[in-house]
Amino acid sequence: MLNTNSDTLRRVVQADLNLQPRSSACWTAQLLSAFQGLRGCELYVRAVQTGHAITMQVFTADLKHRMRGVLKGAELVDPNTHNDKLATYHSWFAIPFSRNERMPINVPRYLHLDLSKHVMRNISRFRLRAHTLKVEAAAWLEDGSCVCDQCPGEDEHVQNEVHALLICQDHRVCELRKHFSFLLTLFLRTFQQHILRHTNSFFSRSP
């Protein structure tokens, strides 16, 4: 950003750099903090402080390496038994990394579709568990329940992402599933085991 034709922008960035040693709330301090855990952390910090360029190819590979390590820990956590956002994302929504670290990261197919910003945002929120389903809301409420309060009948189901996409019988949820059925296929492969488990459970209850 220091390599710019705008004198005003150059001064603003330089002022933020000067503020960094005294304030953890400035943009530069937050950026430098985000470098922690990367193999080239010291190199990136020095580049920002001196106004030098960071080689994006190297930086991207470093980010992927760190993310692999983060997601590897999530592999051991079952999102069905643990209310863990990272494990939920990794097990149900994340696109697997290529074994070749040089390969570019694949982005979700819905990002290439002609969708409104509102729909795009809500899909992203759903994938990242930044929604208002009971499984998330209960984490912020004292004695909050994860049980779906929309399904008819006496069966109690945890109102999580799998439930909303495949199981919930509330008419409003069913209408949403029907309206956005073209997006549902994005998650069906990930939820294949959950579909099978739910189907077996359904038939085991049938008379």
Protein backbone atom coordinates (compact mmCIF):
# COMPACT_ATOMS: atom_id res chain seq x y z
CA MET A 1 0.00 0.00 0.00
CA LEU A 2 3.01 2.30 0.40
CA ASN A 3 3.63 1.94 -3.33
CA THR A 4 0.85 4.30 -4.39
CA ASN A 5 0.42 7.54 -6.34
CA SER A 6 -1.78 8.94 -3.58
CA ASP A 7 0.24 11.08 -1.21
CA THR A 8 -2.67 11.13 1.25
CA LEU A 9 -2.92 7.35 1.36
CA ARG A 10 0.84 7.05 1.78
CA ARG A 11 0.75 9.41 4.76
CA VAL A 12 -2.20 7.62 6.37
CA VAL A 13 -0.48 4.24 6.10
CA GLN A 14 2.79 5.67 7.42
CA ALA A 15 0.95 7.24 10.37
CA ASP A 16 -0.64 3.88 11.15
CA LEU A 17 2.79 2.22 11.02
CA ASN A 18 4.11 4.78 13.48
CA LEU A 19 1.13 4.18 15.78
CA GLN A 20 1.61 0.40 15.86
CA PRO A 21 4.14 0.21 18.76
CA ARG A 22 1.75 2.16 21.02
CA SER A 23 -1.65 0.78 20.02
CA SER A 24 -2.86 -2.76 19.43
CA ALA A 25 -6.08 -1.44 17.88
CA CYS A 26 -4.52 0.09 14.78
CA TRP A 27 -4.65 -1.63 11.40
CA THR A 28 -0.91 -2.38 11.29
CA ALA A 29 -0.89 -4.01 14.73
CA GLN A 30 -3.79 -6.27 13.76
CA LEU A 31 -2.10 -7.20 10.49
CA LEU A 32 1.19 -8.05 12.21
CA SER A 33 -0.70 -10.11 14.79
CA ALA A 34 -2.32 -12.13 12.00
CA PHE A 35 1.14 -13.16 10.78
CA GLN A 36 1.75 -15.12 13.99
CA GLY A 37 2.05 -18.86 13.34
CA LEU A 38 3.22 -18.45 9.76
CA ARG A 39 6.61 -19.89 8.85
CA GLY A 40 7.73 -16.57 7.37
CA CYS A 41 6.28 -14.44 10.17
CA GLU A 42 9.45 -12.42 10.80
CA LEU A 43 9.93 -11.80 7.09
CA TYR A 44 6.36 -10.53 6.64
CA VAL A 45 6.53 -8.30 9.73
CA ARG A 46 9.78 -6.74 8.55
CA ALA A 47 8.34 -6.19 5.05
CA VAL A 48 5.32 -4.34 6.45
CA GLN A 49 7.42 -2.24 8.80
CA THR A 50 9.86 -1.23 6.05
CA GLY A 51 7.28 -0.86 3.28
CA HIS A 52 8.67 -3.65 1.12
CA ALA A 53 6.57 -6.02 -1.01
CA ILE A 54 5.60 -9.52 0.15
CA THR A 55 5.78 -12.25 -2.50
CA MET A 56 2.18 -13.39 -2.71
CA GLN A 57 3.00 -16.86 -4.01
CA VAL A 58 5.15 -17.56 -0.95
CA PHE A 59 2.66 -15.91 1.40
CA THR A 60 -0.28 -17.91 -0.01
CA ALA A 61 1.60 -21.19 0.35
CA ASP A 62 2.40 -20.26 3.95
CA LEU A 63 -1.26 -19.52 4.69
CA LYS A 64 -2.31 -22.88 3.24
CA HIS A 65 0.30 -24.66 5.36
CA ARG A 66 -1.03 -23.03 8.53
CA MET A 67 -4.63 -23.77 7.62
CA ARG A 68 -3.81 -27.43 7.04
CA GLY A 69 -2.45 -27.59 10.57
CA VAL A 70 -5.53 -25.89 12.02
CA LEU A 71 -7.95 -28.19 10.21
CA LYS A 72 -5.92 -31.28 11.07
CA GLY A 73 -6.78 -30.77 14.73
CA ALA A 74 -10.46 -30.45 13.85
CA GLU A 75 -10.46 -33.89 12.22
CA LEU A 76 -10.52 -35.49 15.68
CA VAL A 77 -13.71 -33.71 16.77
CA ASP A 78 -17.17 -35.01 15.86
CA PRO A 79 -19.60 -32.10 15.20
CA ASN A 80 -22.50 -34.36 16.15
CA THR A 81 -21.26 -34.65 19.73
CA HIS A 82 -19.31 -31.41 20.15
CA ASN A 83 -20.61 -27.90 19.52
CA ASP A 84 -17.41 -26.80 17.82
CA LYS A 85 -17.52 -24.32 14.91
CA LEU A 86 -14.20 -25.33 13.41
CA ALA A 87 -15.05 -29.04 13.52
CA THR A 88 -18.46 -28.35 12.00
CA TYR A 89 -16.98 -26.35 9.17
CA HIS A 90 -14.23 -28.88 8.51
CA SER A 91 -16.52 -31.94 8.57
CA TRP A 92 -19.55 -30.55 6.76
CA PHE A 93 -18.57 -27.57 4.61
CA ALA A 94 -14.85 -27.23 3.97
CA ILE A 95 -13.48 -28.05 0.52
CA PRO A 96 -10.57 -30.50 0.93
CA PHE A 97 -7.10 -29.23 0.18
CA SER A 98 -5.14 -30.71 -2.67
CA ARG A 99 -2.20 -32.84 -1.56
CA ASN A 100 -0.04 -30.66 -3.78
CA GLU A 101 0.55 -27.44 -1.84
CA ARG A 102 1.28 -25.62 -5.10
CA MET A 103 -2.24 -26.22 -6.39
CA PRO A 104 -4.63 -23.27 -6.04
CA ILE A 105 -7.38 -23.45 -3.44
CA ASN A 106 -10.81 -24.33 -4.81
CA VAL A 107 -13.60 -22.01 -3.73
CA PRO A 108 -17.21 -23.13 -3.18
CA ARG A 109 -19.28 -23.34 -6.37
CA TYR A 110 -21.96 -20.94 -5.09
CA LEU A 111 -19.40 -18.11 -5.26
CA HIS A 112 -19.44 -18.51 -9.05
CA LEU A 113 -23.24 -18.42 -9.31
CA ASP A 114 -25.32 -15.36 -10.15
CA LEU A 115 -26.77 -14.89 -6.66
CA SER A 116 -27.78 -11.74 -4.83
CA LYS A 117 -25.44 -10.38 -2.18
CA HIS A 118 -28.08 -11.19 0.43
CA VAL A 119 -28.23 -14.88 -0.54
CA MET A 120 -24.46 -15.09 -0.91
CA ARG A 121 -23.97 -13.64 2.55
CA ASN A 122 -26.50 -15.97 4.15
CA ILE A 123 -24.94 -19.06 2.56
CA SER A 124 -21.56 -17.99 3.88
CA ARG A 125 -23.01 -17.38 7.33
CA PHE A 126 -24.65 -20.80 7.26
CA ARG A 127 -21.37 -22.53 6.33
CA LEU A 128 -19.47 -20.68 9.07
CA ARG A 129 -22.13 -21.26 11.77
CA ALA A 130 -22.79 -17.54 12.04
CA HIS A 131 -26.56 -18.09 11.95
CA THR A 132 -29.43 -18.18 14.43
CA LEU A 133 -30.19 -21.91 14.48
CA LYS A 134 -30.72 -23.31 17.97
CA VAL A 135 -27.36 -25.08 18.05
CA GLU A 136 -25.64 -21.68 17.78
CA ALA A 137 -28.12 -19.55 19.73
CA ALA A 138 -27.97 -21.94 22.70
CA ALA A 139 -24.26 -21.24 23.09
CA TRP A 140 -25.08 -17.61 23.89
CA LEU A 141 -28.04 -18.20 26.17
CA GLU A 142 -28.04 -19.45 29.74
CA ASP A 143 -29.74 -22.85 29.82
CA GLY A 144 -30.41 -22.52 26.09
CA SER A 145 -31.84 -25.54 24.29
CA CYS A 146 -30.51 -26.92 20.99
CA VAL A 147 -33.75 -28.77 20.27
CA CYS A 148 -35.70 -27.64 17.20
CA ASP A 149 -38.87 -25.83 18.25
CA GLN A 150 -40.32 -25.74 14.73
CA CYS A 151 -40.75 -29.43 13.95
CA PRO A 152 -44.23 -30.88 14.56
CA GLY A 153 -44.54 -34.01 16.68
CA GLU A 154 -42.83 -35.19 19.83
CA ASP A 155 -39.48 -36.23 18.38
CA GLU A 156 -36.64 -34.02 19.56
CA HIS A 157 -33.92 -33.15 17.05
CA VAL A 158 -30.94 -30.88 17.48
CA GLN A 159 -31.56 -27.87 15.25
CA ASN A 160 -28.22 -27.80 13.45
CA GLU A 161 -27.20 -27.42 9.81
CA VAL A 162 -27.94 -31.04 8.90
CA HIS A 163 -31.37 -30.79 10.49
CA ALA A 164 -32.23 -27.58 8.63
CA LEU A 165 -31.11 -28.93 5.25
CA LEU A 166 -32.48 -32.45 5.42
CA ILE A 167 -34.81 -33.17 8.30
CA CYS A 168 -36.84 -30.24 9.63
CA GLN A 169 -40.54 -30.52 8.76
CA ASP A 170 -41.54 -26.93 9.46
CA HIS A 171 -43.42 -25.66 6.41
CA ARG A 172 -41.32 -22.49 6.17
CA VAL A 173 -38.10 -24.47 6.21
CA CYS A 174 -39.53 -26.87 3.61
CA GLU A 175 -40.42 -23.94 1.36
CA LEU A 176 -36.89 -22.56 1.68
CA ARG A 177 -35.41 -25.95 0.80
CA LYS A 178 -37.65 -26.16 -2.24
CA HIS A 179 -36.84 -22.61 -3.36
CA PHE A 180 -33.09 -23.12 -3.01
CA SER A 181 -32.98 -26.77 -4.06
CA PHE A 182 -30.35 -25.96 -6.69
CA LEU A 183 -28.01 -25.00 -3.83
CA LEU A 184 -28.80 -28.08 -1.74
CA THR A 185 -26.73 -30.26 -4.07
CA LEU A 186 -23.66 -28.36 -2.89
CA PHE A 187 -23.96 -30.05 0.49
CA LEU A 188 -25.46 -33.45 -0.33
CA ARG A 189 -22.14 -35.21 -0.84
CA THR A 190 -20.86 -33.93 2.49
CA PHE A 191 -24.02 -34.99 4.28
CA GLN A 192 -24.30 -38.42 2.63
CA GLN A 193 -23.53 -40.29 5.83
CA HIS A 194 -26.02 -38.18 7.78
CA ILE A 195 -28.74 -38.86 5.20
CA LEU A 196 -28.13 -42.60 5.51
CA ARG A 197 -28.13 -42.44 9.30
CA HIS A 198 -31.38 -40.46 9.36
CA THR A 199 -33.04 -42.84 6.88
CA ASN A 200 -32.08 -45.89 8.93
CA SER A 201 -33.34 -44.19 12.06
CA PHE A 202 -36.66 -43.33 10.38
CA PHE A 203 -37.32 -46.89 9.19
CA SER A 204 -36.32 -48.35 12.57
CA ARG A 205 -39.14 -46.31 14.15
CA SER A 206 -41.70 -47.31 11.55
CA PRO A 207 -44.25 -49.93 12.72
